[in-house]
């Protein structure tokens, strides 16, 4: 079911073709919200996903966001099946997974400090760094951290 939902949202591009479709980097909370019907952001996440699909957005998934969301599904949601199905989707052709190496990690430190809130993890800082490095138009997340750092959210596209 999870796999079918992901493929139906991301597998086939439909809707209006744009000359410059938006680039959107996806955070782990958006992945989790899409997969988990019990998540408080589930309905909004599905709506935003459909909107991004209609905009023919280039959706970028940091490998760390995939791993973070997968661990959450397994440990907190106690759903190894959802974790596995979601991981399989990210190996599909056409899914843009951004690797995270030393340079991205160094760039992420721009957003991370000892005074950073415990809610704003290095994972969030990596998403911000990838968004900046790829000149993304928005970040698909429900986390206020990104707006505070000058990024537009996918819900505002």
Protein backbone atom coordinates (compact mmCIF):
# COMPACT_ATOMS: atom_id res chain seq x y z
CA UNK A 1 0.00 0.00 0.00
CA UNK A 2 2.76 2.47 0.94
CA UNK A 3 4.73 1.56 -2.17
CA UNK A 4 1.67 2.01 -4.40
CA UNK A 5 0.94 5.41 -2.88
CA UNK A 6 4.51 6.60 -3.49
CA UNK A 7 4.55 5.34 -7.04
CA UNK A 8 1.16 6.89 -7.78
CA UNK A 9 2.41 10.25 -6.52
CA UNK A 10 5.93 10.20 -7.92
CA UNK A 11 6.02 7.46 -10.52
CA UNK A 12 4.20 9.24 -13.34
CA UNK A 13 4.52 12.94 -13.97
CA UNK A 14 1.16 14.48 -14.81
CA UNK A 15 -0.26 17.95 -14.94
CA UNK A 16 1.07 21.17 -16.34
CA UNK A 17 4.55 21.17 -17.82
CA UNK A 18 6.56 24.22 -16.88
CA UNK A 19 9.68 25.65 -18.51
CA UNK A 20 11.38 25.90 -15.14
CA UNK A 21 9.71 23.47 -12.77
CA UNK A 22 10.52 24.11 -9.11
CA UNK A 23 13.25 22.20 -7.31
CA UNK A 24 12.15 20.96 -3.92
CA UNK A 25 14.25 19.23 -1.28
CA UNK A 26 12.29 16.85 0.96
CA UNK A 27 12.84 16.53 4.71
CA UNK A 28 12.20 13.36 6.71
CA UNK A 29 9.05 14.76 8.36
CA UNK A 30 7.38 15.10 4.95
CA UNK A 31 8.29 11.52 4.02
CA UNK A 32 6.90 10.25 7.32
CA UNK A 33 3.73 12.34 7.01
CA UNK A 34 3.02 10.92 3.56
CA UNK A 35 3.47 7.32 4.64
CA UNK A 36 1.69 7.49 7.99
CA UNK A 37 -2.09 8.09 7.89
CA UNK A 38 -2.00 8.78 11.64
CA UNK A 39 0.47 11.65 11.29
CA UNK A 40 -1.01 15.09 12.05
CA UNK A 41 0.40 16.38 8.74
CA UNK A 42 -0.71 13.42 6.60
CA UNK A 43 -3.51 15.14 4.69
CA UNK A 44 -1.43 18.28 4.10
CA UNK A 45 1.53 16.15 2.95
CA UNK A 46 -0.60 14.28 0.43
CA UNK A 47 -2.02 17.57 -0.89
CA UNK A 48 1.45 19.13 -1.19
CA UNK A 49 2.78 15.98 -2.91
CA UNK A 50 0.00 16.13 -5.47
CA UNK A 51 0.65 19.83 -6.03
CA UNK A 52 4.37 19.17 -6.59
CA UNK A 53 3.48 16.42 -9.04
CA UNK A 54 1.16 18.79 -10.92
CA UNK A 55 3.93 21.40 -11.05
CA UNK A 56 6.27 18.73 -12.45
CA UNK A 57 8.64 19.64 -9.61
CA UNK A 58 12.13 18.20 -9.45
CA UNK A 59 12.01 16.51 -6.06
CA UNK A 60 15.32 15.91 -4.30
CA UNK A 61 15.65 13.45 -1.41
CA UNK A 62 18.77 13.75 0.75
CA UNK A 63 20.02 10.26 1.57
CA UNK A 64 20.09 11.28 5.23
CA UNK A 65 16.38 12.23 5.15
CA UNK A 66 15.59 8.81 3.71
CA UNK A 67 17.59 7.08 6.44
CA UNK A 68 16.13 9.29 9.18
CA UNK A 69 12.53 8.69 8.07
CA UNK A 70 13.18 4.98 7.66
CA UNK A 71 14.54 4.67 11.20
CA UNK A 72 11.51 6.55 12.54
CA UNK A 73 9.12 4.20 10.71
CA UNK A 74 10.90 1.17 12.10
CA UNK A 75 11.48 2.33 15.66
CA UNK A 76 8.64 4.72 16.48
CA UNK A 77 5.87 3.59 14.15
CA UNK A 78 6.94 -0.04 14.60
CA UNK A 79 6.44 -0.66 10.89
CA UNK A 80 9.28 -2.48 9.26
CA UNK A 81 7.02 -3.11 6.26
CA UNK A 82 6.52 0.65 5.71
CA UNK A 83 10.23 1.25 6.24
CA UNK A 84 11.16 -1.40 3.71
CA UNK A 85 8.54 -0.35 1.15
CA UNK A 86 9.61 3.26 1.40
CA UNK A 87 13.28 2.35 1.03
CA UNK A 88 12.46 0.34 -2.09
CA UNK A 89 10.69 3.34 -3.63
CA UNK A 90 13.83 5.44 -3.30
CA UNK A 91 15.73 2.98 -5.47
CA UNK A 92 13.24 3.45 -8.32
CA UNK A 93 14.42 5.01 -11.58
CA UNK A 94 13.76 8.72 -11.72
CA UNK A 95 14.00 9.28 -7.97
CA UNK A 96 16.68 11.89 -7.28
CA UNK A 97 18.60 10.92 -4.15
CA UNK A 98 21.22 13.46 -3.09
CA UNK A 99 24.27 11.87 -1.52
CA UNK A 100 25.77 13.46 1.55
CA UNK A 101 29.52 13.71 1.70
CA UNK A 102 32.13 15.75 3.50
CA UNK A 103 31.46 18.99 1.60
CA UNK A 104 27.72 18.86 2.31
CA UNK A 105 28.45 18.15 5.96
CA UNK A 106 30.81 21.14 6.15
CA UNK A 107 28.16 23.33 4.53
CA UNK A 108 25.53 22.04 6.99
CA UNK A 109 27.61 23.37 9.88
CA UNK A 110 26.61 26.87 8.71
CA UNK A 111 23.18 26.10 10.19
CA UNK A 112 24.32 24.06 13.18
CA UNK A 113 25.93 25.26 16.40
CA UNK A 114 26.17 24.30 20.07
CA UNK A 115 23.33 26.78 20.71
CA UNK A 116 21.04 25.11 18.14
CA UNK A 117 17.72 23.87 19.53
CA UNK A 118 17.60 20.13 20.16
CA UNK A 119 14.68 20.04 17.70
CA UNK A 120 16.93 21.34 14.92
CA UNK A 121 19.24 18.44 14.28
CA UNK A 122 22.19 18.02 11.98
CA UNK A 123 19.77 16.17 9.68
CA UNK A 124 17.80 19.43 9.27
CA UNK A 125 21.00 21.35 8.63
CA UNK A 126 21.98 18.88 5.90
CA UNK A 127 18.59 19.39 4.21
CA UNK A 128 19.18 23.16 4.33
CA UNK A 129 22.68 22.77 2.89
CA UNK A 130 21.43 20.59 0.03
CA UNK A 131 18.63 23.08 -0.68
CA UNK A 132 21.19 25.87 -0.88
CA UNK A 133 23.67 23.81 -2.94
CA UNK A 134 21.02 22.82 -5.49
CA UNK A 135 19.40 26.28 -5.64
CA UNK A 136 16.13 24.69 -4.54
CA UNK A 137 12.99 26.78 -4.71
CA UNK A 138 11.55 25.24 -1.56
CA UNK A 139 11.83 22.58 1.12
CA UNK A 140 9.02 20.10 1.68
CA UNK A 141 8.77 20.07 5.46
CA UNK A 142 6.52 21.13 8.30
CA UNK A 143 9.48 22.34 10.37
CA UNK A 144 9.70 26.07 11.13
CA UNK A 145 13.51 25.82 11.19
CA UNK A 146 13.65 26.28 7.44
CA UNK A 147 11.55 29.45 7.29
CA UNK A 148 13.62 30.90 10.15
CA UNK A 149 16.68 30.34 7.97
CA UNK A 150 15.20 32.05 4.91
CA UNK A 151 13.90 29.07 2.96
CA UNK A 152 10.48 28.83 1.35
CA UNK A 153 8.36 25.79 2.21
CA UNK A 154 6.77 23.63 -0.49
CA UNK A 155 3.36 24.52 0.94
CA UNK A 156 4.02 28.11 -0.19
CA UNK A 157 4.71 27.28 -3.85
